[in-house]
Amino acid sequence: MHVRVTLIAAARNSSLLAERFDDDRPLDQTGWHEVQLAAHALVPLGAAELRYCSPSARSRATGDALGFAPLAQPALRDCDMGHWRGYTLADVTARDPAAVDAWLSNPRSAPHGGESLLAFISRVGRWLDTRPMDDGSRIIAVAEPGVVRAALVYALKAPPATYWNIDVRPLSTVSLTGQAGRWSLRLDAG
């Protein structure tokens, strides 16, 4: 039994420099515009048998704007950043550089009191492994870029530090094919 899971990164809700941890702001004007421009390529993915999204405002709005009517999945929420929630990386680094260094270098570390990178990757992986497995079925999930990165690290059985080397742009897509514990990355021609 094999399934195809296509992950779609949510549209933006702020400039890259203004991104905040656990940011649940809705789509901004640029995000809405980007969804409109990408819709022709993304709307056909809505033919998938199952359609999910992260519970964030921008993931839900992206999925709804594309006509997916996705079901929000708590397991697809972004990494719990504890008391860093709402701050930028620059803010946190200025206040506590040692904590940021620990968080970036040790995947088991959660100096913010939230979820470690390893726990986050494992949570997203458990969600991936528990999808219904009807041979040939298709699933889409509109998710936060961090969730897409975590899914890729899990599926490829890459070291957790690989997470920091994956760049996920708004409205980009990637597909995973396989079954629980056995995933392959699928790149389609554009």
C-alpha atoms as a PDB file:
ATOM      1  CA  MET A   1       0.000   0.000   0.000  1.00  0.00           C
ATOM      2  CA  HIS A   2       1.417   3.341  -1.067  1.00  0.00           C
ATOM      3  CA  VAL A   3       0.065   6.844  -0.719  1.00  0.00           C
ATOM      4  CA  ARG A   4       1.179  10.177  -2.149  1.00  0.00           C
ATOM      5  CA  VAL A   5       1.277  13.115   0.252  1.00  0.00           C
ATOM      6  CA  THR A   6       1.775  16.532  -1.328  1.00  0.00           C
ATOM      7  CA  LEU A   7       2.790  19.268   1.062  1.00  0.00           C
ATOM      8  CA  ILE A   8       2.048  22.857   0.085  1.00  0.00           C
ATOM      9  CA  ALA A   9       3.756  25.646   2.018  1.00  0.00           C
ATOM     10  CA  ALA A  10       1.298  28.279   3.223  1.00  0.00           C
ATOM     11  CA  ALA A  11       1.376  31.725   1.643  1.00  0.00           C
ATOM     12  CA  ARG A  12       3.231  34.441   3.501  1.00  0.00           C
ATOM     13  CA  ASN A  13       1.842  36.585   6.280  1.00  0.00           C
ATOM     14  CA  SER A  14       4.857  38.861   6.753  1.00  0.00           C
ATOM     15  CA  SER A  15       8.179  39.704   5.205  1.00  0.00           C
ATOM     16  CA  LEU A  16      10.950  37.238   5.956  1.00  0.00           C
ATOM     17  CA  LEU A  17      12.631  39.750   8.274  1.00  0.00           C
ATOM     18  CA  ALA A  18       9.430  40.211  10.290  1.00  0.00           C
ATOM     19  CA  GLU A  19       8.708  36.493  10.781  1.00  0.00           C
ATOM     20  CA  ARG A  20       7.932  35.645  14.358  1.00  0.00           C
ATOM     21  CA  PHE A  21       7.963  32.351  16.244  1.00  0.00           C
ATOM     22  CA  ASP A  22       4.516  30.711  16.372  1.00  0.00           C
ATOM     23  CA  ASP A  23       3.204  33.535  14.200  1.00  0.00           C
ATOM     24  CA  ASP A  24      -0.544  33.133  13.747  1.00  0.00           C
ATOM     25  CA  ARG A  25      -1.244  36.330  11.847  1.00  0.00           C
ATOM     26  CA  PRO A  26      -3.523  35.991   8.799  1.00  0.00           C
ATOM     27  CA  LEU A  27      -2.302  36.312   5.223  1.00  0.00           C
ATOM     28  CA  ASP A  28      -1.097  39.768   4.290  1.00  0.00           C
ATOM     29  CA  GLN A  29      -1.776  41.537   0.985  1.00  0.00           C
ATOM     30  CA  THR A  30       1.319  39.984  -0.607  1.00  0.00           C
ATOM     31  CA  GLY A  31       0.226  36.529   0.538  1.00  0.00           C
ATOM     32  CA  TRP A  32      -3.233  36.900  -1.001  1.00  0.00           C
ATOM     33  CA  HIS A  33      -1.700  38.130  -4.240  1.00  0.00           C
ATOM     34  CA  GLU A  34       0.733  35.192  -4.344  1.00  0.00           C
ATOM     35  CA  VAL A  35      -2.139  32.716  -3.841  1.00  0.00           C
ATOM     36  CA  GLN A  36      -3.992  34.260  -6.779  1.00  0.00           C
ATOM     37  CA  LEU A  37      -0.907  33.998  -8.994  1.00  0.00           C
ATOM     38  CA  ALA A  38      -0.197  30.372  -8.021  1.00  0.00           C
ATOM     39  CA  ALA A  39      -3.795  29.158  -8.040  1.00  0.00           C
ATOM     40  CA  HIS A  40      -3.708  27.843 -11.630  1.00  0.00           C
ATOM     41  CA  ALA A  41      -0.954  25.390 -10.692  1.00  0.00           C
ATOM     42  CA  LEU A  42      -2.185  24.493  -7.202  1.00  0.00           C
ATOM     43  CA  VAL A  43      -5.968  24.201  -7.570  1.00  0.00           C
ATOM     44  CA  PRO A  44      -5.744  20.833  -9.416  1.00  0.00           C
ATOM     45  CA  LEU A  45      -4.101  19.342  -6.308  1.00  0.00           C
ATOM     46  CA  GLY A  46      -7.479  19.758  -4.604  1.00  0.00           C
ATOM     47  CA  ALA A  47      -8.639  16.596  -6.405  1.00  0.00           C
ATOM     48  CA  ALA A  48      -6.825  14.641  -3.670  1.00  0.00           C
ATOM     49  CA  GLU A  49      -8.990  12.269  -1.661  1.00  0.00           C
ATOM     50  CA  LEU A  50      -7.939  13.873   1.656  1.00  0.00           C
ATOM     51  CA  ARG A  51      -7.169  17.562   2.211  1.00  0.00           C
ATOM     52  CA  TYR A  52      -5.557  18.828   5.416  1.00  0.00           C
ATOM     53  CA  CYS A  53      -3.898  21.951   6.755  1.00  0.00           C
ATOM     54  CA  SER A  54      -1.952  23.258   9.710  1.00  0.00           C
ATOM     55  CA  PRO A  55      -4.265  24.970  12.213  1.00  0.00           C
ATOM     56  CA  SER A  56      -2.583  28.367  11.658  1.00  0.00           C
ATOM     57  CA  ALA A  57      -4.586  31.241  10.198  1.00  0.00           C
ATOM     58  CA  ARG A  58      -2.408  31.499   7.111  1.00  0.00           C
ATOM     59  CA  SER A  59      -2.498  27.762   6.358  1.00  0.00           C
ATOM     60  CA  ARG A  60      -6.285  27.643   6.691  1.00  0.00           C
ATOM     61  CA  ALA A  61      -6.662  30.796   4.573  1.00  0.00           C
ATOM     62  CA  THR A  62      -4.312  29.453   1.892  1.00  0.00           C
ATOM     63  CA  GLY A  63      -6.220  26.163   1.692  1.00  0.00           C
ATOM     64  CA  ASP A  64      -9.590  27.921   1.630  1.00  0.00           C
ATOM     65  CA  ALA A  65      -8.450  30.418  -1.029  1.00  0.00           C
ATOM     66  CA  LEU A  66      -7.436  27.479  -3.225  1.00  0.00           C
ATOM     67  CA  GLY A  67     -10.851  25.866  -2.732  1.00  0.00           C
ATOM     68  CA  PHE A  68      -9.484  22.856  -0.827  1.00  0.00           C
ATOM     69  CA  ALA A  69     -11.751  23.129   2.244  1.00  0.00           C
ATOM     70  CA  PRO A  70      -8.969  21.461   4.259  1.00  0.00           C
ATOM     71  CA  LEU A  71      -9.403  19.834   7.649  1.00  0.00           C
ATOM     72  CA  ALA A  72      -7.118  21.431  10.256  1.00  0.00           C
ATOM     73  CA  GLN A  73      -4.805  18.909  11.902  1.00  0.00           C
ATOM     74  CA  PRO A  74      -3.380  19.765  15.355  1.00  0.00           C
ATOM     75  CA  ALA A  75      -0.381  17.501  14.629  1.00  0.00           C
ATOM     76  CA  LEU A  76       0.551  19.831  11.750  1.00  0.00           C
ATOM     77  CA  ARG A  77       0.921  22.907  13.959  1.00  0.00           C
ATOM     78  CA  ASP A  78       4.274  24.645  13.853  1.00  0.00           C
ATOM     79  CA  CYS A  79       6.899  23.941  16.493  1.00  0.00           C
ATOM     80  CA  ASP A  80       5.823  25.075  19.978  1.00  0.00           C
ATOM     81  CA  MET A  81       8.259  27.867  20.766  1.00  0.00           C
ATOM     82  CA  GLY A  82       7.214  28.365  24.385  1.00  0.00           C
ATOM     83  CA  HIS A  83       8.040  31.799  25.762  1.00  0.00           C
ATOM     84  CA  TRP A  84       9.700  32.816  22.464  1.00  0.00           C
ATOM     85  CA  ARG A  85       6.255  32.919  20.849  1.00  0.00           C
ATOM     86  CA  GLY A  86       5.623  36.224  19.099  1.00  0.00           C
ATOM     87  CA  TYR A  87       9.280  37.281  18.993  1.00  0.00           C
ATOM     88  CA  THR A  88      11.643  37.366  16.011  1.00  0.00           C
ATOM     89  CA  LEU A  89      14.895  35.410  15.996  1.00  0.00           C
ATOM     90  CA  ALA A  90      16.749  38.742  16.260  1.00  0.00           C
ATOM     91  CA  ASP A  91      14.728  39.665  19.378  1.00  0.00           C
ATOM     92  CA  VAL A  92      15.505  36.367  21.096  1.00  0.00           C
ATOM     93  CA  THR A  93      19.156  36.383  20.046  1.00  0.00           C
ATOM     94  CA  ALA A  94      19.616  39.874  21.486  1.00  0.00           C
ATOM     95  CA  ARG A  95      18.086  38.801  24.812  1.00  0.00           C
ATOM     96  CA  ASP A  96      19.604  35.345  25.195  1.00  0.00           C
ATOM     97  CA  PRO A  97      22.229  34.353  22.588  1.00  0.00           C
ATOM     98  CA  ALA A  98      23.338  31.271  24.563  1.00  0.00           C
ATOM     99  CA  ALA A  99      19.805  29.857  24.497  1.00  0.00           C
ATOM    100  CA  VAL A 100      19.556  30.412  20.740  1.00  0.00           C
ATOM    101  CA  ASP A 101      22.922  28.711  20.227  1.00  0.00           C
ATOM    102  CA  ALA A 102      21.769  25.725  22.312  1.00  0.00           C
ATOM    103  CA  TRP A 103      18.521  25.489  20.356  1.00  0.00           C
ATOM    104  CA  LEU A 104      20.280  25.648  16.976  1.00  0.00           C
ATOM    105  CA  SER A 105      23.001  23.158  17.860  1.00  0.00           C
ATOM    106  CA  ASN A 106      21.177  20.535  19.942  1.00  0.00           C
ATOM    107  CA  PRO A 107      17.987  19.000  18.474  1.00  0.00           C
ATOM    108  CA  ARG A 108      16.918  17.823  21.950  1.00  0.00           C
ATOM    109  CA  SER A 109      17.180  21.334  23.407  1.00  0.00           C
ATOM    110  CA  ALA A 110      14.128  23.497  24.103  1.00  0.00           C
ATOM    111  CA  PRO A 111      15.455  26.506  26.033  1.00  0.00           C
ATOM    112  CA  HIS A 112      12.233  28.352  25.228  1.00  0.00           C
ATOM    113  CA  GLY A 113      10.223  25.879  27.305  1.00  0.00           C
ATOM    114  CA  GLY A 114       8.327  24.603  24.280  1.00  0.00           C
ATOM    115  CA  GLU A 115       9.043  21.702  21.964  1.00  0.00           C
ATOM    116  CA  SER A 116      12.515  20.537  20.921  1.00  0.00           C
ATOM    117  CA  LEU A 117      13.341  20.200  17.233  1.00  0.00           C
ATOM    118  CA  LEU A 118      13.547  16.420  17.637  1.00  0.00           C
ATOM    119  CA  ALA A 119      10.100  16.265  19.274  1.00  0.00           C
ATOM    120  CA  PHE A 120       8.665  18.482  16.524  1.00  0.00           C
ATOM    121  CA  ILE A 121      10.087  16.314  13.718  1.00  0.00           C
ATOM    122  CA  SER A 122       8.801  13.179  15.482  1.00  0.00           C
ATOM    123  CA  ARG A 123       5.296  14.648  15.891  1.00  0.00           C
ATOM    124  CA  VAL A 124       5.052  15.554  12.204  1.00  0.00           C
ATOM    125  CA  GLY A 125       6.458  12.113  11.286  1.00  0.00           C
ATOM    126  CA  ARG A 126       3.824  10.331  13.391  1.00  0.00           C
ATOM    127  CA  TRP A 127       1.134  12.282  11.534  1.00  0.00           C
ATOM    128  CA  LEU A 128       2.648  11.304   8.198  1.00  0.00           C
ATOM    129  CA  ASP A 129       2.889   7.632   9.191  1.00  0.00           C
ATOM    130  CA  THR A 130      -0.729   7.461  10.322  1.00  0.00           C
ATOM    131  CA  ARG A 131      -2.341   8.676   7.095  1.00  0.00           C
ATOM    132  CA  PRO A 132      -4.856   6.275   5.556  1.00  0.00           C
ATOM    133  CA  MET A 133      -2.975   3.983   3.196  1.00  0.00           C
ATOM    134  CA  ASP A 134      -5.181   3.075   0.260  1.00  0.00           C
ATOM    135  CA  ASP A 135      -2.936   2.113  -2.637  1.00  0.00           C
ATOM    136  CA  GLY A 136      -2.623   5.047  -5.000  1.00  0.00           C
ATOM    137  CA  SER A 137      -4.543   7.509  -2.842  1.00  0.00           C
ATOM    138  CA  ARG A 138      -3.526  11.148  -2.804  1.00  0.00           C
ATOM    139  CA  ILE A 139      -3.389  13.514   0.155  1.00  0.00           C
ATOM    140  CA  ILE A 140      -2.585  17.207   0.263  1.00  0.00           C
ATOM    141  CA  ALA A 141      -1.662  19.284   3.276  1.00  0.00           C
ATOM    142  CA  VAL A 142      -1.212  23.048   3.364  1.00  0.00           C
ATOM    143  CA  ALA A 143       1.289  23.583   6.142  1.00  0.00           C
ATOM    144  CA  GLU A 144       3.689  26.012   7.735  1.00  0.00           C
ATOM    145  CA  PRO A 145       7.157  25.963   6.128  1.00  0.00           C
ATOM    146  CA  GLY A 146       8.608  24.501   9.345  1.00  0.00           C
ATOM    147  CA  VAL A 147       6.166  21.596   9.153  1.00  0.00           C
ATOM    148  CA  VAL A 148       7.193  20.893   5.548  1.00  0.00           C
ATOM    149  CA  ARG A 149      10.862  20.936   6.600  1.00  0.00           C
ATOM    150  CA  ALA A 150      10.155  18.586   9.522  1.00  0.00           C
ATOM    151  CA  ALA A 151       8.260  16.178   7.243  1.00  0.00           C
ATOM    152  CA  LEU A 152      11.158  16.072   4.787  1.00  0.00           C
ATOM    153  CA  VAL A 153      13.734  15.416   7.511  1.00  0.00           C
ATOM    154  CA  TYR A 154      11.553  12.627   8.914  1.00  0.00           C
ATOM    155  CA  ALA A 155      10.708  11.042   5.561  1.00  0.00           C
ATOM    156  CA  LEU A 156      14.308  11.012   4.371  1.00  0.00           C
ATOM    157  CA  LYS A 157      15.606   9.815   7.750  1.00  0.00           C
ATOM    158  CA  ALA A 158      18.052  12.700   7.672  1.00  0.00           C
ATOM    159  CA  PRO A 159      19.887  13.949  10.751  1.00  0.00           C
ATOM    160  CA  PRO A 160      17.780  16.557  12.624  1.00  0.00           C
ATOM    161  CA  ALA A 161      20.351  19.293  11.862  1.00  0.00           C
ATOM    162  CA  THR A 162      19.347  18.946   8.187  1.00  0.00           C
ATOM    163  CA  TYR A 163      16.190  20.861   9.128  1.00  0.00           C
ATOM    164  CA  TRP A 164      18.188  24.104   9.175  1.00  0.00           C
ATOM    165  CA  ASN A 165      19.375  23.542   5.584  1.00  0.00           C
ATOM    166  CA  ILE A 166      15.983  23.201   3.917  1.00  0.00           C
ATOM    167  CA  ASP A 167      14.509  26.362   2.410  1.00  0.00           C
ATOM    168  CA  VAL A 168      10.750  26.232   1.943  1.00  0.00           C
ATOM    169  CA  ARG A 169       9.311  29.138  -0.012  1.00  0.00           C
ATOM    170  CA  PRO A 170       5.665  30.219   0.277  1.00  0.00           C
ATOM    171  CA  LEU A 171       3.346  28.137  -1.931  1.00  0.00           C
ATOM    172  CA  SER A 172       6.077  25.672  -2.893  1.00  0.00           C
ATOM    173  CA  THR A 173       5.101  22.008  -3.109  1.00  0.00           C
ATOM    174  CA  VAL A 174       6.850  18.724  -2.482  1.00  0.00           C
ATOM    175  CA  SER A 175       5.475  15.193  -2.608  1.00  0.00           C
ATOM    176  CA  LEU A 176       6.298  12.148  -0.548  1.00  0.00           C
ATOM    177  CA  THR A 177       5.277   8.699  -1.686  1.00  0.00           C
ATOM    178  CA  GLY A 178       5.314   5.513   0.321  1.00  0.00           C
ATOM    179  CA  GLN A 179       3.926   4.129   3.522  1.00  0.00           C
ATOM    180  CA  ALA A 180       4.521   4.350   7.252  1.00  0.00           C
ATOM    181  CA  GLY A 181       8.248   4.470   7.931  1.00  0.00           C
ATOM    182  CA  ARG A 182       9.170   4.156   4.235  1.00  0.00           C
ATOM    183  CA  TRP A 183       8.947   7.426   2.376  1.00  0.00           C
ATOM    184  CA  SER A 184      10.521   8.673  -0.847  1.00  0.00           C
ATOM    185  CA  LEU A 185      10.821  12.219  -2.071  1.00  0.00           C
ATOM    186  CA  ARG A 186       9.054  12.784  -5.368  1.00  0.00           C
ATOM    187  CA  LEU A 187       9.988  15.684  -7.641  1.00  0.00           C
ATOM    188  CA  ASP A 188       7.652  16.326 -10.546  1.00  0.00           C
ATOM    189  CA  ALA A 189       8.504  18.105 -13.780  1.00  0.00           C
ATOM    190  CA  GLY A 190       7.298  21.693 -13.788  1.00  0.00           C
END
